[in-house]
Amino acid sequence: MTSLEQQPDPVIDTTVPHSPRIWNYWLGGKDNYEVDRIVGRQFQEIYPDIVPIARHSRGFMSRAVTYLAGEVGVRQFLDIGTGLPTLDNTHEVAQRTAPDAHIVYVDNDPIVLAHARALLTSSPEGATHYIDSDLRDPDRIIEQAGKLLDFERPIALMLFNILGHIEDTEEARSIVRRLLRALPSGSYLVTADGTNVVTGEAFERAIGIWNEVGRPTYHLRKPEVIATFHEGQELLEPGLVSCSRWRPAENPFGLPAEVDEFGAVSRKP
């Protein structure tokens, strides 16, 4: 089962580089235009580590969702900041393990909405929905998601590479707290966002250039600041770590290299 809020077809400007399409390009997706590929390649020249970051971020998401849908038994996922569909989206990962999983995607980008109509699917036993809404309006997200998910049962709240778009850290914390208050005990929070502790100034310079031409802007945070989004929650092992090091697959060559994106999974008591 799939569903989308009824929205008019968006007008897509293919002459302006666009953040979700550039991220899609870094992940090897096809839903991008030449202007996005040009900017994506330019960013890579300045900061080659962006591709490993994008791919390790996706790998962390896949491992976290697989764990929650499998070992924990979560059957509801609220993924805010969907981005463009690409390889191993949340619903695909969750429904491989639990075909009856229900996923609600949330984004406020008309380009994401256009692609969601075409690409978001679901297993027959489960459901996939899309809500057109802004992270800065958590009350509306909760209201709309409440029509699609059972807020009496655990929900996994997914916030990947979206809190960095909120420049004011206290505003970002307030949004997370409001969303978590609406979720029942036994729910989970999964976050991932950019830091500046592995490559330091190199990433900061690249992000500064990005913010001059890209929209929406993005703001790196120290891991100890990102950790505050999980305050009051029970952090799962190994805690807040580089996305590449959150429960990676066994490797005879040791742990993968760290990247400047840190992620965590926590449980609401």
Protein backbone atom coordinates (compact mmCIF):
# COMPACT_ATOMS: atom_id res chain seq x y z
CA MET A 1 0.00 0.00 0.00
CA THR A 2 1.29 3.45 -0.88
CA SER A 3 -0.14 6.91 -0.49
CA LEU A 4 0.77 10.57 -0.90
CA GLU A 5 -0.96 13.74 0.12
CA GLN A 6 -2.64 15.25 -2.92
CA GLN A 7 -0.39 18.00 -4.24
CA PRO A 8 -0.17 19.77 -7.62
CA ASP A 9 2.70 18.69 -9.84
CA PRO A 10 5.74 20.77 -8.83
CA VAL A 11 7.71 22.93 -11.24
CA ILE A 12 11.32 21.71 -11.21
CA ASP A 13 14.11 24.12 -12.14
CA THR A 14 16.87 22.04 -13.74
CA THR A 15 19.19 25.04 -14.08
CA VAL A 16 19.85 25.42 -10.33
CA PRO A 17 21.88 22.87 -8.32
CA HIS A 18 19.80 21.17 -5.69
CA SER A 19 20.99 19.50 -2.46
CA PRO A 20 18.93 16.26 -2.60
CA ARG A 21 19.86 15.71 -6.26
CA ILE A 22 23.57 16.25 -5.53
CA TRP A 23 23.39 13.81 -2.62
CA ASN A 24 21.66 11.38 -4.99
CA TYR A 25 24.58 11.81 -7.42
CA TRP A 26 27.16 11.06 -4.70
CA LEU A 27 25.26 7.87 -3.89
CA GLY A 28 25.38 6.77 -7.53
CA GLY A 29 21.71 7.54 -8.20
CA LYS A 30 20.17 8.62 -11.50
CA ASP A 31 17.75 11.30 -10.30
CA ASN A 32 19.99 14.30 -10.89
CA TYR A 33 20.77 16.77 -13.66
CA GLU A 34 23.97 18.02 -15.24
CA VAL A 35 23.98 21.14 -13.05
CA ASP A 36 23.89 18.88 -9.96
CA ARG A 37 26.67 16.66 -11.30
CA ILE A 38 28.84 19.70 -12.01
CA VAL A 39 28.46 21.03 -8.46
CA GLY A 40 28.80 17.51 -7.04
CA ARG A 41 32.09 16.98 -8.89
CA GLN A 42 33.36 20.42 -7.86
CA PHE A 43 32.58 19.66 -4.21
CA GLN A 44 34.34 16.30 -4.52
CA GLU A 45 37.43 18.02 -5.90
CA ILE A 46 37.50 20.28 -2.83
CA TYR A 47 36.52 17.55 -0.38
CA PRO A 48 36.84 13.98 -1.74
CA ASP A 49 35.65 12.51 1.57
CA ILE A 50 32.07 13.55 0.83
CA VAL A 51 31.41 10.37 -1.16
CA PRO A 52 32.53 8.03 1.67
CA ILE A 53 30.42 10.12 4.05
CA ALA A 54 27.33 9.75 1.86
CA ARG A 55 27.84 6.01 1.47
CA HIS A 56 28.65 5.32 5.13
CA SER A 57 25.61 7.36 6.11
CA ARG A 58 23.44 5.13 3.93
CA GLY A 59 25.12 2.04 5.34
CA PHE A 60 24.46 3.17 8.91
CA MET A 61 20.81 3.78 8.07
CA SER A 62 20.50 0.31 6.60
CA ARG A 63 22.09 -1.38 9.61
CA ALA A 64 20.02 0.61 12.10
CA VAL A 65 16.71 -0.06 10.32
CA THR A 66 17.53 -3.74 9.88
CA TYR A 67 18.29 -4.02 13.61
CA LEU A 68 15.12 -2.17 14.66
CA ALA A 69 12.83 -4.08 12.30
CA GLY A 70 14.53 -7.39 13.06
CA GLU A 71 15.88 -7.85 16.59
CA VAL A 72 13.75 -5.15 18.20
CA GLY A 73 10.55 -5.76 16.24
CA VAL A 74 9.68 -2.15 15.35
CA ARG A 75 7.00 -2.02 12.66
CA GLN A 76 6.56 1.75 12.27
CA PHE A 77 9.10 4.24 10.92
CA LEU A 78 8.76 8.03 10.67
CA ASP A 79 11.51 9.23 8.32
CA ILE A 80 11.77 13.04 8.26
CA GLY A 81 13.98 14.58 5.60
CA THR A 82 13.46 11.81 3.10
CA GLY A 83 15.61 13.15 0.28
CA LEU A 84 15.45 11.59 -3.15
CA PRO A 85 14.76 7.86 -3.31
CA THR A 86 17.89 5.90 -4.13
CA LEU A 87 19.41 2.52 -3.25
CA ASP A 88 18.06 0.92 -0.05
CA ASN A 89 15.50 3.44 1.12
CA THR A 90 14.04 3.05 4.62
CA HIS A 91 10.94 1.18 3.45
CA GLU A 92 12.97 -1.23 1.33
CA VAL A 93 15.32 -2.05 4.20
CA ALA A 94 12.55 -2.37 6.79
CA GLN A 95 10.25 -4.46 4.61
CA ARG A 96 13.01 -6.88 3.62
CA THR A 97 13.11 -7.85 7.29
CA ALA A 98 9.48 -7.15 8.19
CA PRO A 99 7.16 -7.07 5.15
CA ASP A 100 4.34 -5.66 7.30
CA ALA A 101 6.34 -2.55 8.29
CA HIS A 102 4.66 0.84 7.84
CA ILE A 103 6.82 3.78 6.79
CA VAL A 104 5.88 7.45 6.67
CA TYR A 105 8.27 9.74 4.80
CA VAL A 106 8.25 13.49 5.44
CA ASP A 107 9.85 16.21 3.32
CA ASN A 108 8.92 19.69 2.17
CA ASP A 109 10.83 19.70 -1.11
CA PRO A 110 8.75 19.71 -4.31
CA ILE A 111 11.46 17.80 -6.16
CA VAL A 112 11.42 15.07 -3.52
CA LEU A 113 7.63 15.00 -3.74
CA ALA A 114 7.76 14.55 -7.52
CA HIS A 115 10.14 11.62 -7.27
CA ALA A 116 8.30 10.12 -4.32
CA ARG A 117 5.19 9.81 -6.47
CA ALA A 118 7.12 7.77 -8.99
CA LEU A 119 9.48 5.73 -6.85
CA LEU A 120 8.08 5.04 -3.38
CA THR A 121 6.52 1.60 -3.26
CA SER A 122 5.56 -0.92 -0.61
CA SER A 123 5.27 -4.62 0.04
CA PRO A 124 1.66 -5.88 -0.13
CA GLU A 125 1.65 -6.53 3.62
CA GLY A 126 3.04 -3.14 4.61
CA ALA A 127 2.44 0.51 3.75
CA THR A 128 4.46 3.51 2.59
CA HIS A 129 3.16 7.07 2.85
CA TYR A 130 4.53 10.52 2.10
CA ILE A 131 3.71 13.76 3.94
CA ASP A 132 4.64 17.14 2.49
CA SER A 133 5.67 19.05 5.62
CA ASP A 134 8.54 21.05 7.12
CA LEU A 135 10.70 19.84 10.02
CA ARG A 136 10.25 23.28 11.57
CA ASP A 137 6.56 22.48 12.05
CA PRO A 138 6.72 19.36 14.23
CA ASP A 139 3.12 19.75 15.40
CA ARG A 140 1.84 19.42 11.84
CA ILE A 141 4.07 16.42 11.23
CA ILE A 142 2.70 14.72 14.33
CA GLU A 143 -0.87 15.57 13.34
CA GLN A 144 -0.46 14.18 9.83
CA ALA A 145 1.56 11.14 10.88
CA GLY A 146 -1.06 10.38 13.52
CA LYS A 147 -3.49 9.61 10.71
CA LEU A 148 -1.12 7.01 9.26
CA LEU A 149 0.73 5.48 12.23
CA ASP A 150 -0.46 4.08 15.56
CA PHE A 151 1.01 6.36 18.22
CA GLU A 152 0.13 3.79 20.88
CA ARG A 153 2.84 1.46 19.51
CA PRO A 154 6.61 2.06 19.19
CA ILE A 155 7.79 4.21 16.30
CA ALA A 156 11.34 4.69 15.01
CA LEU A 157 11.97 8.39 14.33
CA MET A 158 14.61 8.84 11.62
CA LEU A 159 16.44 12.19 11.28
CA PHE A 160 19.26 11.80 8.77
CA ASN A 161 21.30 14.81 7.66
CA ILE A 162 18.44 17.16 8.37
CA LEU A 163 19.12 18.68 11.79
CA GLY A 164 22.23 20.27 10.28
CA HIS A 165 19.92 22.38 8.15
CA ILE A 166 18.63 24.03 11.36
CA GLU A 167 21.31 26.63 12.10
CA ASP A 168 20.23 27.34 15.68
CA THR A 169 21.10 24.35 17.86
CA GLU A 170 18.49 25.12 20.51
CA GLU A 171 15.79 25.28 17.84
CA ALA A 172 16.94 21.89 16.56
CA ARG A 173 16.83 20.45 20.10
CA SER A 174 13.36 21.86 20.63
CA ILE A 175 12.10 20.22 17.43
CA VAL A 176 13.53 16.84 18.43
CA ARG A 177 12.05 17.12 21.95
CA ARG A 178 8.62 17.96 20.54
CA LEU A 179 8.68 14.99 18.18
CA LEU A 180 9.87 12.61 20.90
CA ARG A 181 7.21 13.76 23.36
CA ALA A 182 4.55 12.54 20.96
CA LEU A 183 6.05 9.05 20.68
CA PRO A 184 5.17 6.23 23.09
CA SER A 185 7.61 4.52 25.43
CA GLY A 186 9.72 1.96 23.57
CA SER A 187 10.11 4.18 20.51
CA TYR A 188 13.52 4.90 19.00
CA LEU A 189 15.42 7.92 17.71
CA VAL A 190 17.99 7.49 14.92
CA THR A 191 20.08 10.50 13.92
CA ALA A 192 23.06 11.20 11.70
CA ASP A 193 24.67 14.56 11.01
CA GLY A 194 27.90 16.13 9.84
CA THR A 195 30.77 16.89 12.23
CA ASN A 196 34.19 18.48 11.92
CA VAL A 197 36.37 16.25 14.10
CA VAL A 198 37.83 13.83 11.54
CA THR A 199 38.88 16.10 8.69
CA GLY A 200 38.39 19.41 10.51
CA GLU A 201 39.02 22.55 8.50
CA ALA A 202 38.83 20.76 5.15
CA PHE A 203 35.16 19.89 5.67
CA GLU A 204 34.42 23.31 7.16
CA ARG A 205 35.86 25.04 4.07
CA ALA A 206 33.88 22.79 1.75
CA ILE A 207 30.65 23.38 3.65
CA GLY A 208 31.31 27.13 3.57
CA ILE A 209 31.56 27.01 -0.22
CA TRP A 210 28.45 24.83 -0.37
CA ASN A 211 26.48 27.36 1.66
CA GLU A 212 27.36 30.10 -0.81
CA VAL A 213 25.65 28.29 -3.70
CA GLY A 214 23.55 25.45 -2.28
CA ARG A 215 20.14 25.48 -0.64
CA PRO A 216 19.26 24.69 2.03
CA THR A 217 22.43 25.62 3.91
CA TYR A 218 24.09 23.10 6.22
CA HIS A 219 25.86 23.56 9.55
CA LEU A 220 28.39 21.15 11.06
CA ARG A 221 28.28 20.37 14.79
CA LYS A 222 30.65 18.78 17.29
CA PRO A 223 29.71 15.21 18.32
CA GLU A 224 29.06 16.32 21.90
CA VAL A 225 26.46 18.76 20.58
CA ILE A 226 24.84 16.15 18.34
CA ALA A 227 24.67 13.88 21.41
CA THR A 228 22.33 16.36 23.12
CA PHE A 229 19.59 15.46 20.62
CA HIS A 230 19.42 12.12 22.46
CA GLU A 231 19.17 13.56 25.98
CA GLY A 232 16.71 11.63 28.12
CA GLN A 233 16.97 8.61 25.84
CA GLU A 234 18.74 5.28 26.41
CA LEU A 235 21.67 5.21 23.96
CA LEU A 236 22.27 1.85 22.32
CA GLU A 237 25.82 0.55 22.03
CA PRO A 238 28.22 1.77 20.74
CA GLY A 239 26.69 5.18 21.44
CA LEU A 240 27.29 8.21 19.24
CA VAL A 241 30.07 7.28 16.82
CA SER A 242 31.19 7.85 13.26
CA CYS A 243 28.49 6.34 11.03
CA SER A 244 31.04 3.94 9.58
CA ARG A 245 31.58 2.47 13.06
CA TRP A 246 28.02 1.91 14.21
CA ARG A 247 27.86 -1.89 14.35
CA PRO A 248 29.73 -2.47 11.06
CA ALA A 249 29.84 -5.88 9.46
CA GLU A 250 32.67 -8.09 10.69
CA ASN A 251 35.85 -7.34 8.78
CA PRO A 252 39.16 -9.22 9.11
CA PHE A 253 40.97 -5.93 8.47
CA GLY A 254 39.50 -4.18 11.51
CA LEU A 255 37.17 -1.23 11.87
CA PRO A 256 36.45 0.97 8.84
CA ALA A 257 37.93 4.45 8.77
CA GLU A 258 36.00 7.16 10.56
CA VAL A 259 34.10 9.76 8.55
CA ASP A 260 32.84 13.19 9.52
CA GLU A 261 29.27 12.13 10.08
CA PHE A 262 28.24 10.77 13.47
CA GLY A 263 25.17 8.69 14.18
CA ALA A 264 23.35 7.15 17.12
CA VAL A 265 20.31 5.07 18.00
CA SER A 266 18.49 5.58 21.29
CA ARG A 267 15.37 4.21 22.98
CA LYS A 268 12.68 6.24 24.70
CA PRO A 269 12.20 4.86 28.24
